[in-house]
């Protein structure tokens, strides 16, 4: 994790593990991802349920998934954003 990151809770660490799991996890809940994103950056709700997430100098807009769990494409999008911030699967 980046050196200047906020301390993540055990629940956030579990969510990171799910996001970075190989093969892709198919039960990563949207509300858990939103909670993680709120812990690492600024989250602003936009029209049609979209969320704008700003962390460091990066901003990305995520569309709310149709179901409570993220699909593979949505999960990869979140993973790429987190990787761009220096995050990866927590050790241990």
PDB file of N, CA and C in Angstrom:
ATOM      1  N   UNK A   1       0.831  -1.180   0.000  1.00  0.00           N
ATOM      2  CA  UNK A   1       0.000   0.000   0.000  1.00  0.00           C
ATOM      3  C   UNK A   1       0.879   1.247   0.000  1.00  0.00           C
ATOM      4  N   UNK A   2       0.364   2.318  -0.560  1.00  0.00           N
ATOM      5  CA  UNK A   2       1.132   3.559  -0.559  1.00  0.00           C
ATOM      6  C   UNK A   2       1.450   4.002   0.862  1.00  0.00           C
ATOM      7  N   UNK A   3       2.619   4.654   1.080  1.00  0.00           N
ATOM      8  CA  UNK A   3       3.037   5.001   2.433  1.00  0.00           C
ATOM      9  C   UNK A   3       2.143   6.011   3.137  1.00  0.00           C
ATOM     10  N   UNK A   4       1.479   6.912   2.429  1.00  0.00           N
ATOM     11  CA  UNK A   4       0.674   7.954   3.066  1.00  0.00           C
ATOM     12  C   UNK A   4      -0.811   7.632   3.074  1.00  0.00           C
ATOM     13  N   UNK A   5      -1.147   6.349   3.037  1.00  0.00           N
ATOM     14  CA  UNK A   5      -2.552   5.950   3.001  1.00  0.00           C
ATOM     15  C   UNK A   5      -3.130   5.889   4.402  1.00  0.00           C
ATOM     16  N   UNK A   6      -4.440   6.109   4.499  1.00  0.00           N
ATOM     17  CA  UNK A   6      -5.078   5.978   5.805  1.00  0.00           C
ATOM     18  C   UNK A   6      -5.090   4.518   6.240  1.00  0.00           C
ATOM     19  N   UNK A   7      -5.154   4.304   7.534  1.00  0.00           N
ATOM     20  CA  UNK A   7      -5.231   2.947   8.079  1.00  0.00           C
ATOM     21  C   UNK A   7      -6.576   2.356   7.702  1.00  0.00           C
ATOM     22  N   UNK A   8      -6.542   1.188   7.104  1.00  0.00           N
ATOM     23  CA  UNK A   8      -7.771   0.516   6.694  1.00  0.00           C
ATOM     24  C   UNK A   8      -8.223  -0.451   7.773  1.00  0.00           C
ATOM     25  N   UNK A   9      -9.526  -0.586   7.904  1.00  0.00           N
ATOM     26  CA  UNK A   9     -10.079  -1.535   8.861  1.00  0.00           C
ATOM     27  C   UNK A   9      -9.898  -2.959   8.331  1.00  0.00           C
ATOM     28  N   UNK A  10     -10.137  -3.919   9.186  1.00  0.00           N
ATOM     29  CA  UNK A  10     -10.058  -5.323   8.774  1.00  0.00           C
ATOM     30  C   UNK A  10     -11.062  -5.600   7.656  1.00  0.00           C
ATOM     31  N   UNK A  11     -12.219  -4.990   7.738  1.00  0.00           N
ATOM     32  CA  UNK A  11     -13.243  -5.181   6.704  1.00  0.00           C
ATOM     33  C   UNK A  11     -12.759  -4.630   5.363  1.00  0.00           C
ATOM     34  N   UNK A  12     -12.108  -3.461   5.392  1.00  0.00           N
ATOM     35  CA  UNK A  12     -11.568  -2.889   4.151  1.00  0.00           C
ATOM     36  C   UNK A  12     -10.465  -3.780   3.582  1.00  0.00           C
ATOM     37  N   UNK A  13      -9.634  -4.332   4.448  1.00  0.00           N
ATOM     38  CA  UNK A  13      -8.582  -5.249   4.000  1.00  0.00           C
ATOM     39  C   UNK A  13      -9.186  -6.499   3.363  1.00  0.00           C
ATOM     40  N   UNK A  14     -10.272  -7.001   3.937  1.00  0.00           N
ATOM     41  CA  UNK A  14     -10.954  -8.156   3.348  1.00  0.00           C
ATOM     42  C   UNK A  14     -11.501  -7.813   1.969  1.00  0.00           C
ATOM     43  N   UNK A  15     -12.053  -6.610   1.837  1.00  0.00           N
ATOM     44  CA  UNK A  15     -12.573  -6.178   0.537  1.00  0.00           C
ATOM     45  C   UNK A  15     -11.437  -6.082  -0.476  1.00  0.00           C
ATOM     46  N   UNK A  16     -10.292  -5.542  -0.076  1.00  0.00           N
ATOM     47  CA  UNK A  16      -9.129  -5.493  -0.976  1.00  0.00           C
ATOM     48  C   UNK A  16      -8.732  -6.893  -1.416  1.00  0.00           C
ATOM     49  N   UNK A  17      -8.716  -7.852  -0.475  1.00  0.00           N
ATOM     50  CA  UNK A  17      -8.371  -9.234  -0.828  1.00  0.00           C
ATOM     51  C   UNK A  17      -9.334  -9.783  -1.885  1.00  0.00           C
ATOM     52  N   UNK A  18     -10.611  -9.496  -1.702  1.00  0.00           N
ATOM     53  CA  UNK A  18     -11.606  -9.977  -2.669  1.00  0.00           C
ATOM     54  C   UNK A  18     -11.395  -9.320  -4.034  1.00  0.00           C
ATOM     55  N   UNK A  19     -11.110  -8.037  -4.038  1.00  0.00           N
ATOM     56  CA  UNK A  19     -10.928  -7.322  -5.300  1.00  0.00           C
ATOM     57  C   UNK A  19      -9.726  -7.861  -6.065  1.00  0.00           C
ATOM     58  N   UNK A  20      -8.657  -8.195  -5.345  1.00  0.00           N
ATOM     59  CA  UNK A  20      -7.425  -8.646  -5.992  1.00  0.00           C
ATOM     60  C   UNK A  20      -7.292 -10.164  -6.056  1.00  0.00           C
ATOM     61  N   UNK A  21      -8.344 -10.897  -5.717  1.00  0.00           N
ATOM     62  CA  UNK A  21      -8.299 -12.361  -5.732  1.00  0.00           C
ATOM     63  C   UNK A  21      -8.119 -12.877  -7.158  1.00  0.00           C
ATOM     64  N   UNK A  22      -7.377 -13.990  -7.254  1.00  0.00           N
ATOM     65  CA  UNK A  22      -7.222 -14.703  -8.528  1.00  0.00           C
ATOM     66  C   UNK A  22      -7.687 -16.126  -8.295  1.00  0.00           C
ATOM     67  N   UNK A  23      -8.604 -16.660  -9.054  1.00  0.00           N
ATOM     68  CA  UNK A  23      -9.389 -15.975 -10.093  1.00  0.00           C
ATOM     69  C   UNK A  23     -10.314 -14.927  -9.473  1.00  0.00           C
ATOM     70  N   UNK A  24     -10.921 -14.132 -10.343  1.00  0.00           N
ATOM     71  CA  UNK A  24     -11.806 -13.059  -9.894  1.00  0.00           C
ATOM     72  C   UNK A  24     -12.898 -13.600  -8.981  1.00  0.00           C
ATOM     73  N   UNK A  25     -13.126 -12.884  -7.907  1.00  0.00           N
ATOM     74  CA  UNK A  25     -14.206 -13.232  -6.988  1.00  0.00           C
ATOM     75  C   UNK A  25     -15.526 -12.770  -7.595  1.00  0.00           C
ATOM     76  N   UNK A  26     -16.573 -13.548  -7.398  1.00  0.00           N
ATOM     77  CA  UNK A  26     -17.877 -13.194  -7.950  1.00  0.00           C
ATOM     78  C   UNK A  26     -18.864 -12.787  -6.862  1.00  0.00           C
ATOM     79  N   UNK A  27     -18.340 -12.463  -5.675  1.00  0.00           N
ATOM     80  CA  UNK A  27     -19.239 -12.052  -4.600  1.00  0.00           C
ATOM     81  C   UNK A  27     -18.694 -10.832  -3.851  1.00  0.00           C
ATOM     82  N   UNK A  28     -18.181  -9.856  -4.602  1.00  0.00           N
ATOM     83  CA  UNK A  28     -17.708  -8.607  -4.005  1.00  0.00           C
ATOM     84  C   UNK A  28     -18.888  -7.641  -4.024  1.00  0.00           C
ATOM     85  N   UNK A  29     -19.356  -7.286  -2.825  1.00  0.00           N
ATOM     86  CA  UNK A  29     -20.546  -6.448  -2.725  1.00  0.00           C
ATOM     87  C   UNK A  29     -20.222  -4.972  -2.963  1.00  0.00           C
ATOM     88  N   UNK A  30     -21.111  -4.329  -3.703  1.00  0.00           N
ATOM     89  CA  UNK A  30     -20.948  -2.923  -4.055  1.00  0.00           C
ATOM     90  C   UNK A  30     -20.796  -2.058  -2.811  1.00  0.00           C
ATOM     91  N   UNK A  31     -21.629  -2.279  -1.792  1.00  0.00           N
ATOM     92  CA  UNK A  31     -21.566  -1.417  -0.607  1.00  0.00           C
ATOM     93  C   UNK A  31     -20.217  -1.550   0.103  1.00  0.00           C
ATOM     94  N   UNK A  32     -19.588  -2.719   0.054  1.00  0.00           N
ATOM     95  CA  UNK A  32     -18.266  -2.904   0.661  1.00  0.00           C
ATOM     96  C   UNK A  32     -17.203  -2.137  -0.126  1.00  0.00           C
ATOM     97  N   UNK A  33     -17.335  -2.135  -1.449  1.00  0.00           N
ATOM     98  CA  UNK A  33     -16.397  -1.395  -2.295  1.00  0.00           C
ATOM     99  C   UNK A  33     -16.550   0.104  -2.056  1.00  0.00           C
ATOM    100  N   UNK A  34     -17.779   0.584  -1.958  1.00  0.00           N
ATOM    101  CA  UNK A  34     -18.021   2.009  -1.700  1.00  0.00           C
ATOM    102  C   UNK A  34     -17.409   2.397  -0.359  1.00  0.00           C
ATOM    103  N   UNK A  35     -17.569   1.573   0.652  1.00  0.00           N
ATOM    104  CA  UNK A  35     -16.992   1.848   1.963  1.00  0.00           C
ATOM    105  C   UNK A  35     -15.467   1.949   1.874  1.00  0.00           C
ATOM    106  N   UNK A  36     -14.851   1.040   1.148  1.00  0.00           N
ATOM    107  CA  UNK A  36     -13.402   1.071   0.947  1.00  0.00           C
ATOM    108  C   UNK A  36     -12.985   2.351   0.229  1.00  0.00           C
ATOM    109  N   UNK A  37     -13.698   2.696  -0.841  1.00  0.00           N
ATOM    110  CA  UNK A  37     -13.364   3.900  -1.598  1.00  0.00           C
ATOM    111  C   UNK A  37     -13.514   5.156  -0.738  1.00  0.00           C
ATOM    112  N   UNK A  38     -14.503   5.190   0.133  1.00  0.00           N
ATOM    113  CA  UNK A  38     -14.686   6.330   1.042  1.00  0.00           C
ATOM    114  C   UNK A  38     -13.532   6.429   2.032  1.00  0.00           C
ATOM    115  N   UNK A  39     -12.938   5.289   2.390  1.00  0.00           N
ATOM    116  CA  UNK A  39     -11.826   5.283   3.334  1.00  0.00           C
ATOM    117  C   UNK A  39     -10.535   5.805   2.705  1.00  0.00           C
ATOM    118  N   UNK A  40     -10.411   5.649   1.382  1.00  0.00           N
ATOM    119  CA  UNK A  40      -9.156   6.058   0.741  1.00  0.00           C
ATOM    120  C   UNK A  40      -9.256   7.364  -0.034  1.00  0.00           C
ATOM    121  N   UNK A  41     -10.465   7.866  -0.239  1.00  0.00           N
ATOM    122  CA  UNK A  41     -10.602   9.092  -1.018  1.00  0.00           C
ATOM    123  C   UNK A  41     -11.937   9.774  -0.798  1.00  0.00           C
ATOM    124  N   UNK A  42     -12.201  10.747  -1.632  1.00  0.00           N
ATOM    125  CA  UNK A  42     -13.454  11.509  -1.588  1.00  0.00           C
ATOM    126  C   UNK A  42     -14.438  10.871  -2.561  1.00  0.00           C
ATOM    127  N   UNK A  43     -15.633  10.563  -2.103  1.00  0.00           N
ATOM    128  CA  UNK A  43     -16.655   9.939  -2.943  1.00  0.00           C
ATOM    129  C   UNK A  43     -17.836  10.892  -3.032  1.00  0.00           C
ATOM    130  N   UNK A  44     -18.219  11.241  -4.262  1.00  0.00           N
ATOM    131  CA  UNK A  44     -19.354  12.134  -4.500  1.00  0.00           C
ATOM    132  C   UNK A  44     -20.355  11.432  -5.398  1.00  0.00           C
ATOM    133  N   UNK A  45     -21.620  11.475  -4.988  1.00  0.00           N
ATOM    134  CA  UNK A  45     -22.665  10.856  -5.799  1.00  0.00           C
ATOM    135  C   UNK A  45     -23.023  11.781  -6.953  1.00  0.00           C
ATOM    136  N   UNK A  46     -23.161  11.178  -8.120  1.00  0.00           N
ATOM    137  CA  UNK A  46     -23.542  11.905  -9.326  1.00  0.00           C
ATOM    138  C   UNK A  46     -24.909  11.413  -9.787  1.00  0.00           C
ATOM    139  N   UNK A  47     -25.358  11.941 -10.911  1.00  0.00           N
ATOM    140  CA  UNK A  47     -26.648  11.533 -11.459  1.00  0.00           C
ATOM    141  C   UNK A  47     -26.653  10.046 -11.815  1.00  0.00           C
ATOM    142  N   UNK A  48     -27.828   9.491 -11.809  1.00  0.00           N
ATOM    143  CA  UNK A  48     -28.069   8.094 -12.187  1.00  0.00           C
ATOM    144  C   UNK A  48     -27.268   7.099 -11.348  1.00  0.00           C
ATOM    145  N   UNK A  49     -26.996   7.444 -10.094  1.00  0.00           N
ATOM    146  CA  UNK A  49     -26.320   6.518  -9.198  1.00  0.00           C
ATOM    147  C   UNK A  49     -24.836   6.358  -9.426  1.00  0.00           C
ATOM    148  N   UNK A  50     -24.254   7.189 -10.234  1.00  0.00           N
ATOM    149  CA  UNK A  50     -22.808   7.105 -10.456  1.00  0.00           C
ATOM    150  C   UNK A  50     -22.069   7.706  -9.268  1.00  0.00           C
ATOM    151  N   UNK A  51     -20.850   7.195  -9.029  1.00  0.00           N
ATOM    152  CA  UNK A  51     -20.018   7.719  -7.964  1.00  0.00           C
ATOM    153  C   UNK A  51     -18.709   8.228  -8.542  1.00  0.00           C
ATOM    154  N   UNK A  52     -18.368   9.469  -8.225  1.00  0.00           N
ATOM    155  CA  UNK A  52     -17.077  10.032  -8.594  1.00  0.00           C
ATOM    156  C   UNK A  52     -16.148   9.853  -7.405  1.00  0.00           C
ATOM    157  N   UNK A  53     -15.028   9.184  -7.630  1.00  0.00           N
ATOM    158  CA  UNK A  53     -14.082   8.912  -6.563  1.00  0.00           C
ATOM    159  C   UNK A  53     -12.783   9.638  -6.884  1.00  0.00           C
ATOM    160  N   UNK A  54     -12.324  10.467  -5.943  1.00  0.00           N
ATOM    161  CA  UNK A  54     -11.071  11.188  -6.098  1.00  0.00           C
ATOM    162  C   UNK A  54     -10.123  10.761  -4.992  1.00  0.00           C
ATOM    163  N   UNK A  55      -8.948  10.326  -5.391  1.00  0.00           N
ATOM    164  CA  UNK A  55      -7.892   9.956  -4.448  1.00  0.00           C
ATOM    165  C   UNK A  55      -6.576  10.409  -5.062  1.00  0.00           C
ATOM    166  N   UNK A  56      -5.823  11.156  -4.283  1.00  0.00           N
ATOM    167  CA  UNK A  56      -4.596  11.718  -4.840  1.00  0.00           C
ATOM    168  C   UNK A  56      -4.967  12.653  -5.978  1.00  0.00           C
ATOM    169  N   UNK A  57      -4.306  12.504  -7.104  1.00  0.00           N
ATOM    170  CA  UNK A  57      -4.598  13.345  -8.270  1.00  0.00           C
ATOM    171  C   UNK A  57      -5.462  12.629  -9.296  1.00  0.00           C
ATOM    172  N   UNK A  58      -6.073  11.516  -8.904  1.00  0.00           N
ATOM    173  CA  UNK A  58      -6.880  10.726  -9.832  1.00  0.00           C
ATOM    174  C   UNK A  58      -8.363  10.781  -9.448  1.00  0.00           C
ATOM    175  N   UNK A  59      -9.186  10.895 -10.476  1.00  0.00           N
ATOM    176  CA  UNK A  59     -10.642  10.827 -10.292  1.00  0.00           C
ATOM    177  C   UNK A  59     -11.190   9.846 -11.310  1.00  0.00           C
ATOM    178  N   UNK A  60     -12.086   9.003 -10.859  1.00  0.00           N
ATOM    179  CA  UNK A  60     -12.752   8.053 -11.747  1.00  0.00           C
ATOM    180  C   UNK A  60     -14.223   8.025 -11.360  1.00  0.00           C
ATOM    181  N   UNK A  61     -15.079   7.773 -12.347  1.00  0.00           N
ATOM    182  CA  UNK A  61     -16.514   7.683 -12.101  1.00  0.00           C
ATOM    183  C   UNK A  61     -16.945   6.236 -12.334  1.00  0.00           C
ATOM    184  N   UNK A  62     -17.563   5.667 -11.312  1.00  0.00           N
ATOM    185  CA  UNK A  62     -18.057   4.300 -11.386  1.00  0.00           C
ATOM    186  C   UNK A  62     -19.573   4.312 -11.471  1.00  0.00           C
ATOM    187  N   UNK A  63     -20.112   3.449 -12.322  1.00  0.00           N
ATOM    188  CA  UNK A  63     -21.558   3.280 -12.406  1.00  0.00           C
ATOM    189  C   UNK A  63     -21.971   2.235 -11.371  1.00  0.00           C
ATOM    190  N   UNK A  64     -23.099   2.462 -10.733  1.00  0.00           N
ATOM    191  CA  UNK A  64     -23.621   1.495  -9.769  1.00  0.00           C
ATOM    192  C   UNK A  64     -23.981   0.212 -10.517  1.00  0.00           C
ATOM    193  N   UNK A  65     -23.556  -0.943 -10.001  1.00  0.00           N
ATOM    194  CA  UNK A  65     -23.894  -2.204 -10.677  1.00  0.00           C
ATOM    195  C   UNK A  65     -25.389  -2.490 -10.585  1.00  0.00           C
ATOM    196  N   UNK A  66     -25.870  -3.324 -11.456  1.00  0.00           N
ATOM    197  CA  UNK A  66     -27.298  -3.681 -11.469  1.00  0.00           C
ATOM    198  C   UNK A  66     -27.686  -4.559 -10.291  1.00  0.00           C
ATOM    199  N   UNK A  67     -26.723  -5.312  -9.796  1.00  0.00           N
ATOM    200  CA  UNK A  67     -26.977  -6.226  -8.684  1.00  0.00           C
ATOM    201  C   UNK A  67     -26.133  -5.797  -7.493  1.00  0.00           C
ATOM    202  N   UNK A  68     -26.295  -6.460  -6.363  1.00  0.00           N
ATOM    203  CA  UNK A  68     -25.537  -6.070  -5.171  1.00  0.00           C
ATOM    204  C   UNK A  68     -24.051  -6.395  -5.302  1.00  0.00           C
ATOM    205  N   UNK A  69     -23.713  -7.377  -6.128  1.00  0.00           N
ATOM    206  CA  UNK A  69     -22.313  -7.756  -6.342  1.00  0.00           C
ATOM    207  C   UNK A  69     -21.799  -7.178  -7.651  1.00  0.00           C
ATOM    208  N   UNK A  70     -20.497  -6.869  -7.684  1.00  0.00           N
ATOM    209  CA  UNK A  70     -19.893  -6.364  -8.910  1.00  0.00           C
ATOM    210  C   UNK A  70     -19.691  -7.498  -9.899  1.00  0.00           C
ATOM    211  N   UNK A  71     -19.883  -7.195 -11.182  1.00  0.00           N
ATOM    212  CA  UNK A  71     -19.555  -8.135 -12.234  1.00  0.00           C
ATOM    213  C   UNK A  71     -18.065  -8.099 -12.503  1.00  0.00           C
ATOM    214  N   UNK A  72     -17.587  -9.010 -13.333  1.00  0.00           N
ATOM    215  CA  UNK A  72     -16.156  -9.111 -13.614  1.00  0.00           C
ATOM    216  C   UNK A  72     -15.592  -7.816 -14.191  1.00  0.00           C
ATOM    217  N   UNK A  73     -16.287  -7.208 -15.132  1.00  0.00           N
ATOM    218  CA  UNK A  73     -15.810  -5.981 -15.762  1.00  0.00           C
ATOM    219  C   UNK A  73     -15.731  -4.835 -14.746  1.00  0.00           C
ATOM    220  N   UNK A  74     -16.738  -4.725 -13.898  1.00  0.00           N
ATOM    221  CA  UNK A  74     -16.754  -3.676 -12.873  1.00  0.00           C
ATOM    222  C   UNK A  74     -15.638  -3.898 -11.853  1.00  0.00           C
ATOM    223  N   UNK A  75     -15.424  -5.148 -11.499  1.00  0.00           N
ATOM    224  CA  UNK A  75     -14.386  -5.489 -10.549  1.00  0.00           C
ATOM    225  C   UNK A  75     -13.001  -5.136 -11.091  1.00  0.00           C
ATOM    226  N   UNK A  76     -12.765  -5.431 -12.349  1.00  0.00           N
ATOM    227  CA  UNK A  76     -11.477  -5.104 -12.972  1.00  0.00           C
ATOM    228  C   UNK A  76     -11.274  -3.591 -13.027  1.00  0.00           C
ATOM    229  N   UNK A  77     -12.343  -2.837 -13.283  1.00  0.00           N
ATOM    230  CA  UNK A  77     -12.254  -1.380 -13.306  1.00  0.00           C
ATOM    231  C   UNK A  77     -11.836  -0.832 -11.939  1.00  0.00           C
ATOM    232  N   UNK A  78     -12.436  -1.353 -10.873  1.00  0.00           N
ATOM    233  CA  UNK A  78     -12.071  -0.931  -9.514  1.00  0.00           C
ATOM    234  C   UNK A  78     -10.634  -1.343  -9.224  1.00  0.00           C
ATOM    235  N   UNK A  79     -10.267  -2.551  -9.610  1.00  0.00           N
ATOM    236  CA  UNK A  79      -8.906  -3.049  -9.382  1.00  0.00           C
ATOM    237  C   UNK A  79      -7.882  -2.139 -10.061  1.00  0.00           C
ATOM    238  N   UNK A  80      -8.119  -1.766 -11.296  1.00  0.00           N
ATOM    239  CA  UNK A  80      -7.182  -0.889 -12.019  1.00  0.00           C
ATOM    240  C   UNK A  80      -7.045   0.465 -11.325  1.00  0.00           C
ATOM    241  N   UNK A  81      -8.159   1.017 -10.863  1.00  0.00           N
ATOM    242  CA  UNK A  81      -8.109   2.296 -10.157  1.00  0.00           C
ATOM    243  C   UNK A  81      -7.262   2.164  -8.895  1.00  0.00           C
ATOM    244  N   UNK A  82      -7.502   1.123  -8.114  1.00  0.00           N
ATOM    245  CA  UNK A  82      -6.743   0.928  -6.884  1.00  0.00           C
ATOM    246  C   UNK A  82      -5.261   0.702  -7.172  1.00  0.00           C
ATOM    247  N   UNK A  83      -4.965  -0.056  -8.211  1.00  0.00           N
ATOM    248  CA  UNK A  83      -3.569  -0.281  -8.595  1.00  0.00           C
ATOM    249  C   UNK A  83      -2.890   1.033  -8.981  1.00  0.00           C
ATOM    250  N   UNK A  84      -3.624   1.919  -9.648  1.00  0.00           N
ATOM    251  CA  UNK A  84      -3.048   3.204 -10.049  1.00  0.00           C
ATOM    252  C   UNK A  84      -2.704   4.064  -8.834  1.00  0.00           C
ATOM    253  N   UNK A  85      -3.325   3.768  -7.700  1.00  0.00           N
ATOM    254  CA  UNK A  85      -3.045   4.485  -6.455  1.00  0.00           C
ATOM    255  C   UNK A  85      -1.980   3.784  -5.611  1.00  0.00           C
ATOM    256  N   UNK A  86      -1.526   2.623  -6.084  1.00  0.00           N
ATOM    257  CA  UNK A  86      -0.496   1.891  -5.371  1.00  0.00           C
ATOM    258  C   UNK A  86      -1.008   0.775  -4.481  1.00  0.00           C
ATOM    259  N   UNK A  87      -2.293   0.474  -4.554  1.00  0.00           N
ATOM    260  CA  UNK A  87      -2.861  -0.593  -3.729  1.00  0.00           C
ATOM    261  C   UNK A  87      -2.702  -1.942  -4.429  1.00  0.00           C
ATOM    262  N   UNK A  88      -2.687  -2.972  -3.615  1.00  0.00           N
ATOM    263  CA  UNK A  88      -2.674  -4.346  -4.073  1.00  0.00           C
ATOM    264  C   UNK A  88      -3.324  -5.196  -3.004  1.00  0.00           C
ATOM    265  N   UNK A  89      -3.271  -6.493  -3.179  1.00  0.00           N
ATOM    266  CA  UNK A  89      -3.855  -7.390  -2.186  1.00  0.00           C
ATOM    267  C   UNK A  89      -3.054  -7.275  -0.890  1.00  0.00           C
ATOM    268  N   UNK A  90      -3.735  -7.095   0.246  1.00  0.00           N
ATOM    269  CA  UNK A  90      -3.006  -7.020   1.509  1.00  0.00           C
ATOM    270  C   UNK A  90      -2.365  -8.365   1.823  1.00  0.00           C
ATOM    271  N   UNK A  91      -1.217  -8.308   2.458  1.00  0.00           N
ATOM    272  CA  UNK A  91      -0.525  -9.544   2.827  1.00  0.00           C
ATOM    273  C   UNK A  91      -1.112 -10.101   4.120  1.00  0.00           C
ATOM    274  N   UNK A  92      -1.034 -11.423   4.216  1.00  0.00           N
ATOM    275  CA  UNK A  92      -1.471 -12.049   5.464  1.00  0.00           C
ATOM    276  C   UNK A  92      -2.800 -12.577   5.409  1.00  0.00           C
TER     277      UNK A  92
END
